[in-house]
Amino acid sequence: MNNIAAIFKKEFRSYFNSPIAYIFITFFLALSAWFFFRGFFLVGQAVMRGFFSWVPWIFLLFIPAVTMKLWAEEKKIGTVEILMTLPIKDYEVVIGKYLASFSLLGVTILLSLSIPITVAYLGEPDGGPILGGYIGLFLMGAAYLSIGMFTSTITENQIIAFILGIVMCFALLIIGEDIVLFNAPNWIVPIFSYLGLGAHFSSILRGVIDSRDLIYYFSVIGFFLYLSILMVTVQKWR
């Protein structure tokens, strides 16, 4: 636990020692608020569905930008070799880095609470879907982070890690959408529907927390973290 905490502190501090955290937080809050309030006053209802429908797509661009440096930069500048010679286990490094990126995401999401506060001031929104939406954002963001971390372990080029992160997150986001399911063979529709990040997010957004959705997200997170640990171990022995 001490090793994980040390890695976490180092990585989390590094975000705020560079422009990454400030750019991520500023652009996320600005874009999400603009997309939401652009249609909020036209609808004339105290609902936040518009906000929650846009955020997964904003995450799709910004989260891979946060994770692309986690391992790719370490390998490019050679510090990963020093890191791997320390008396620390591979999984501790991966978990420490992941928790640091998740904490940055958590700070960003919590700062967006100004939006539902504004909506509550202007009307009387239903708290259930808002709470479910924020839980869904944390889960989807955590899944994106695990995917982005994995893509960062397989290359030393940050741009390639960024592009691969977007492609993989996008694939899992839309695989369960109607536009894909409509053109898929009938026998594979239930599989695609279950694998879709967006489909599970929409389920949580209704304000009902289903154990199947939680199991799905934790499975995705665990699977890609395991792949990241595996890649780090393989590269270490090479």
Protein backbone atom coordinates (compact mmCIF):
# COMPACT_ATOMS: atom_id res chain seq x y z
CA MET A 1 0.00 0.00 0.00
CA ASN A 2 2.89 2.38 0.73
CA ASN A 3 4.29 1.82 -2.77
CA ILE A 4 0.90 2.45 -4.37
CA ALA A 5 0.48 5.64 -2.32
CA ALA A 6 3.94 6.86 -3.34
CA ILE A 7 3.24 6.26 -7.04
CA PHE A 8 -0.17 7.88 -6.69
CA LYS A 9 1.25 11.03 -5.09
CA LYS A 10 3.99 11.32 -7.70
CA GLU A 11 1.63 10.91 -10.65
CA PHE A 12 -1.15 13.09 -9.27
CA ARG A 13 1.32 15.87 -8.47
CA SER A 14 2.78 15.60 -11.98
CA TYR A 15 -0.61 16.41 -13.51
CA PHE A 16 -0.73 19.74 -11.70
CA ASN A 17 2.95 20.47 -12.25
CA SER A 18 2.19 20.61 -15.96
CA PRO A 19 -0.64 22.23 -17.97
CA ILE A 20 -2.41 18.86 -18.48
CA ALA A 21 -4.72 19.03 -15.46
CA TYR A 22 -5.65 22.67 -15.96
CA ILE A 23 -6.31 22.22 -19.68
CA PHE A 24 -8.36 19.07 -19.08
CA ILE A 25 -10.48 20.62 -16.32
CA THR A 26 -11.00 23.96 -18.09
CA PHE A 27 -11.92 22.53 -21.47
CA PHE A 28 -14.14 19.82 -20.01
CA LEU A 29 -16.13 22.28 -17.88
CA ALA A 30 -16.36 24.84 -20.70
CA LEU A 31 -17.47 22.35 -23.35
CA SER A 32 -19.93 20.46 -21.16
CA ALA A 33 -21.52 23.69 -19.90
CA TRP A 34 -21.75 25.15 -23.39
CA PHE A 35 -23.34 22.06 -24.93
CA PHE A 36 -25.78 21.79 -22.03
CA PHE A 37 -26.93 25.37 -21.65
CA ARG A 38 -27.12 25.81 -25.42
CA GLY A 39 -30.26 23.69 -25.41
CA PHE A 40 -31.35 23.98 -21.78
CA PHE A 41 -33.20 27.27 -22.11
CA LEU A 42 -34.79 26.17 -25.40
CA VAL A 43 -36.25 23.04 -23.81
CA GLY A 44 -37.56 24.97 -20.82
CA GLN A 45 -37.37 21.97 -18.47
CA ALA A 46 -35.19 21.42 -15.40
CA VAL A 47 -33.55 18.22 -16.69
CA MET A 48 -29.92 17.29 -17.22
CA ARG A 49 -30.25 14.60 -19.86
CA GLY A 50 -28.56 16.87 -22.38
CA PHE A 51 -25.50 17.19 -20.14
CA PHE A 52 -25.20 13.46 -19.57
CA SER A 53 -25.69 12.68 -23.26
CA TRP A 54 -22.74 14.90 -24.26
CA VAL A 55 -20.20 14.08 -21.54
CA PRO A 56 -19.35 10.51 -22.72
CA TRP A 57 -18.35 11.99 -26.09
CA ILE A 58 -16.28 14.71 -24.44
CA PHE A 59 -14.61 12.05 -22.30
CA LEU A 60 -13.86 10.15 -25.51
CA LEU A 61 -11.45 12.89 -26.60
CA PHE A 62 -10.07 14.12 -23.30
CA ILE A 63 -9.48 10.98 -21.23
CA PRO A 64 -7.09 9.34 -23.75
CA ALA A 65 -5.18 12.65 -23.69
CA VAL A 66 -4.77 12.25 -19.93
CA THR A 67 -3.70 8.59 -20.04
CA MET A 68 -1.48 8.66 -23.13
CA LYS A 69 1.57 9.78 -21.14
CA LEU A 70 1.20 7.37 -18.23
CA TRP A 71 3.51 4.75 -19.76
CA ALA A 72 4.38 6.02 -23.25
CA GLU A 73 6.29 9.02 -21.88
CA GLU A 74 8.08 6.88 -19.29
CA LYS A 75 9.30 4.55 -22.02
CA LYS A 76 10.26 7.34 -24.40
CA ILE A 77 12.48 9.21 -21.93
CA GLY A 78 13.81 6.01 -20.33
CA THR A 79 12.52 6.54 -16.79
CA VAL A 80 10.50 3.31 -16.98
CA GLU A 81 13.77 1.36 -16.74
CA ILE A 82 14.62 3.12 -13.49
CA LEU A 83 11.08 2.61 -12.21
CA MET A 84 11.18 -1.11 -12.91
CA THR A 85 14.44 -1.57 -11.01
CA LEU A 86 12.92 -0.24 -7.80
CA PRO A 87 11.66 -2.71 -5.14
CA ILE A 88 8.07 -2.31 -6.28
CA LYS A 89 5.66 -4.75 -7.88
CA ASP A 90 4.26 -4.20 -11.36
CA TYR A 91 0.66 -4.13 -10.20
CA GLU A 92 1.49 -1.48 -7.60
CA VAL A 93 2.82 0.86 -10.29
CA VAL A 94 -0.20 0.29 -12.52
CA ILE A 95 -2.72 0.79 -9.71
CA GLY A 96 -0.91 3.88 -8.40
CA LYS A 97 -0.90 5.50 -11.84
CA TYR A 98 -4.53 4.53 -12.42
CA LEU A 99 -5.69 5.97 -9.10
CA ALA A 100 -3.88 9.23 -9.86
CA SER A 101 -5.65 9.61 -13.22
CA PHE A 102 -8.97 8.61 -11.65
CA SER A 103 -8.51 11.26 -8.95
CA LEU A 104 -7.96 13.91 -11.63
CA LEU A 105 -11.15 12.72 -13.32
CA GLY A 106 -12.99 12.79 -9.99
CA VAL A 107 -11.93 16.38 -9.30
CA THR A 108 -13.13 17.39 -12.77
CA ILE A 109 -16.52 15.69 -12.42
CA LEU A 110 -17.08 17.17 -8.95
CA LEU A 111 -16.32 20.66 -10.27
CA SER A 112 -19.14 20.21 -12.77
CA LEU A 113 -21.63 20.06 -9.87
CA SER A 114 -22.11 23.78 -10.48
CA ILE A 115 -24.35 22.77 -13.40
CA PRO A 116 -26.96 20.75 -11.42
CA ILE A 117 -26.82 23.42 -8.69
CA THR A 118 -27.74 26.01 -11.32
CA VAL A 119 -30.50 23.77 -12.66
CA ALA A 120 -31.87 23.27 -9.14
CA TYR A 121 -31.87 27.04 -8.64
CA LEU A 122 -33.83 27.58 -11.86
CA GLY A 123 -36.30 24.72 -11.39
CA GLU A 124 -37.09 21.51 -9.56
CA PRO A 125 -35.17 18.66 -11.24
CA ASP A 126 -35.62 14.99 -10.36
CA GLY A 127 -32.65 14.05 -8.18
CA GLY A 128 -32.69 10.33 -9.08
CA PRO A 129 -31.55 10.65 -12.72
CA ILE A 130 -28.98 13.30 -11.75
CA LEU A 131 -27.46 11.05 -9.07
CA GLY A 132 -27.56 8.08 -11.43
CA GLY A 133 -25.99 10.19 -14.16
CA TYR A 134 -23.06 11.19 -11.99
CA ILE A 135 -22.50 7.62 -10.83
CA GLY A 136 -22.55 6.63 -14.49
CA LEU A 137 -19.99 9.31 -15.33
CA PHE A 138 -17.59 8.00 -12.70
CA LEU A 139 -18.02 4.42 -13.93
CA MET A 140 -17.71 5.27 -17.63
CA GLY A 141 -14.77 7.58 -16.97
CA ALA A 142 -13.06 4.85 -14.94
CA ALA A 143 -13.57 2.40 -17.82
CA TYR A 144 -12.14 4.90 -20.33
CA LEU A 145 -9.12 5.42 -18.07
CA SER A 146 -8.38 1.70 -17.85
CA ILE A 147 -8.56 1.41 -21.65
CA GLY A 148 -6.37 4.48 -22.13
CA MET A 149 -3.80 3.16 -19.67
CA PHE A 150 -3.63 -0.14 -21.56
CA THR A 151 -3.01 1.60 -24.90
CA SER A 152 -0.24 3.63 -23.24
CA THR A 153 1.54 0.43 -22.16
CA ILE A 154 1.82 -0.94 -25.71
CA THR A 155 3.67 1.98 -27.31
CA GLU A 156 6.20 4.65 -26.48
CA ASN A 157 4.55 7.15 -28.84
CA GLN A 158 2.00 9.29 -27.01
CA ILE A 159 0.12 10.20 -30.20
CA ILE A 160 -0.33 6.53 -31.09
CA ALA A 161 -1.48 5.82 -27.52
CA PHE A 162 -3.94 8.72 -27.79
CA ILE A 163 -5.39 7.53 -31.11
CA LEU A 164 -5.62 3.90 -29.99
CA GLY A 165 -7.35 5.02 -26.80
CA ILE A 166 -9.96 6.97 -28.76
CA VAL A 167 -10.56 4.11 -31.20
CA MET A 168 -10.98 1.46 -28.50
CA CYS A 169 -13.20 3.65 -26.31
CA PHE A 170 -15.30 4.64 -29.33
CA ALA A 171 -15.74 1.02 -30.37
CA LEU A 172 -16.96 -0.01 -26.92
CA LEU A 173 -19.15 3.10 -26.69
CA ILE A 174 -21.15 2.53 -29.88
CA ILE A 175 -21.15 -1.27 -30.11
CA GLY A 176 -24.37 -1.42 -28.11
CA GLU A 177 -26.08 1.49 -29.88
CA ASP A 178 -29.17 1.00 -32.05
CA ILE A 179 -27.35 2.00 -35.26
CA VAL A 180 -24.96 -0.95 -34.77
CA LEU A 181 -27.50 -3.44 -33.43
CA PHE A 182 -29.87 -2.76 -36.34
CA ASN A 183 -27.26 -3.94 -38.87
CA ALA A 184 -25.83 -6.79 -36.79
CA PRO A 185 -26.89 -10.45 -37.14
CA ASN A 186 -29.66 -11.43 -34.73
CA TRP A 187 -27.53 -13.98 -32.89
CA ILE A 188 -24.89 -11.40 -31.96
CA VAL A 189 -27.24 -8.57 -30.96
CA PRO A 190 -27.50 -9.62 -27.26
CA ILE A 191 -23.70 -9.82 -27.04
CA PHE A 192 -23.16 -6.40 -28.63
CA SER A 193 -25.91 -4.92 -26.49
CA TYR A 194 -24.24 -6.14 -23.31
CA LEU A 195 -20.74 -5.06 -24.36
CA GLY A 196 -21.72 -1.47 -25.12
CA LEU A 197 -20.45 1.13 -22.65
CA GLY A 198 -23.14 3.54 -23.81
CA ALA A 199 -25.98 1.06 -23.30
CA HIS A 200 -25.06 0.49 -19.65
CA PHE A 201 -24.59 4.22 -19.11
CA SER A 202 -28.09 4.88 -20.47
CA SER A 203 -29.45 2.27 -18.07
CA ILE A 204 -27.83 3.96 -15.05
CA LEU A 205 -28.96 7.37 -16.32
CA ARG A 206 -32.57 6.38 -15.66
CA GLY A 207 -31.77 6.53 -11.95
CA VAL A 208 -31.90 2.77 -11.37
CA ILE A 209 -28.57 1.22 -10.34
CA ASP A 210 -28.66 -2.34 -11.67
CA SER A 211 -26.07 -4.81 -10.38
CA ARG A 212 -25.53 -6.01 -13.96
CA ASP A 213 -24.36 -2.55 -14.99
CA LEU A 214 -21.99 -2.34 -12.01
CA ILE A 215 -20.59 -5.80 -12.72
CA TYR A 216 -20.07 -4.84 -16.36
CA TYR A 217 -18.13 -1.65 -15.60
CA PHE A 218 -15.99 -3.24 -12.91
CA SER A 219 -15.27 -6.14 -15.27
CA VAL A 220 -14.12 -3.77 -18.03
CA ILE A 221 -11.94 -1.84 -15.58
CA GLY A 222 -10.44 -4.99 -14.09
CA PHE A 223 -9.85 -6.58 -17.49
CA PHE A 224 -7.91 -3.66 -18.95
CA LEU A 225 -5.96 -3.08 -15.74
CA TYR A 226 -4.98 -6.75 -15.85
CA LEU A 227 -3.86 -6.33 -19.47
CA SER A 228 -1.83 -3.29 -18.45
CA ILE A 229 -0.10 -5.23 -15.66
CA LEU A 230 0.55 -8.09 -18.07
CA MET A 231 2.10 -5.77 -20.67
CA VAL A 232 4.30 -4.07 -18.07
CA THR A 233 5.51 -7.47 -16.80
CA VAL A 234 6.27 -8.74 -20.32
CA GLN A 235 8.15 -5.59 -21.27
CA LYS A 236 10.05 -5.68 -17.98
CA TRP A 237 11.35 -9.20 -18.64
CA ARG A 238 12.27 -8.27 -22.21
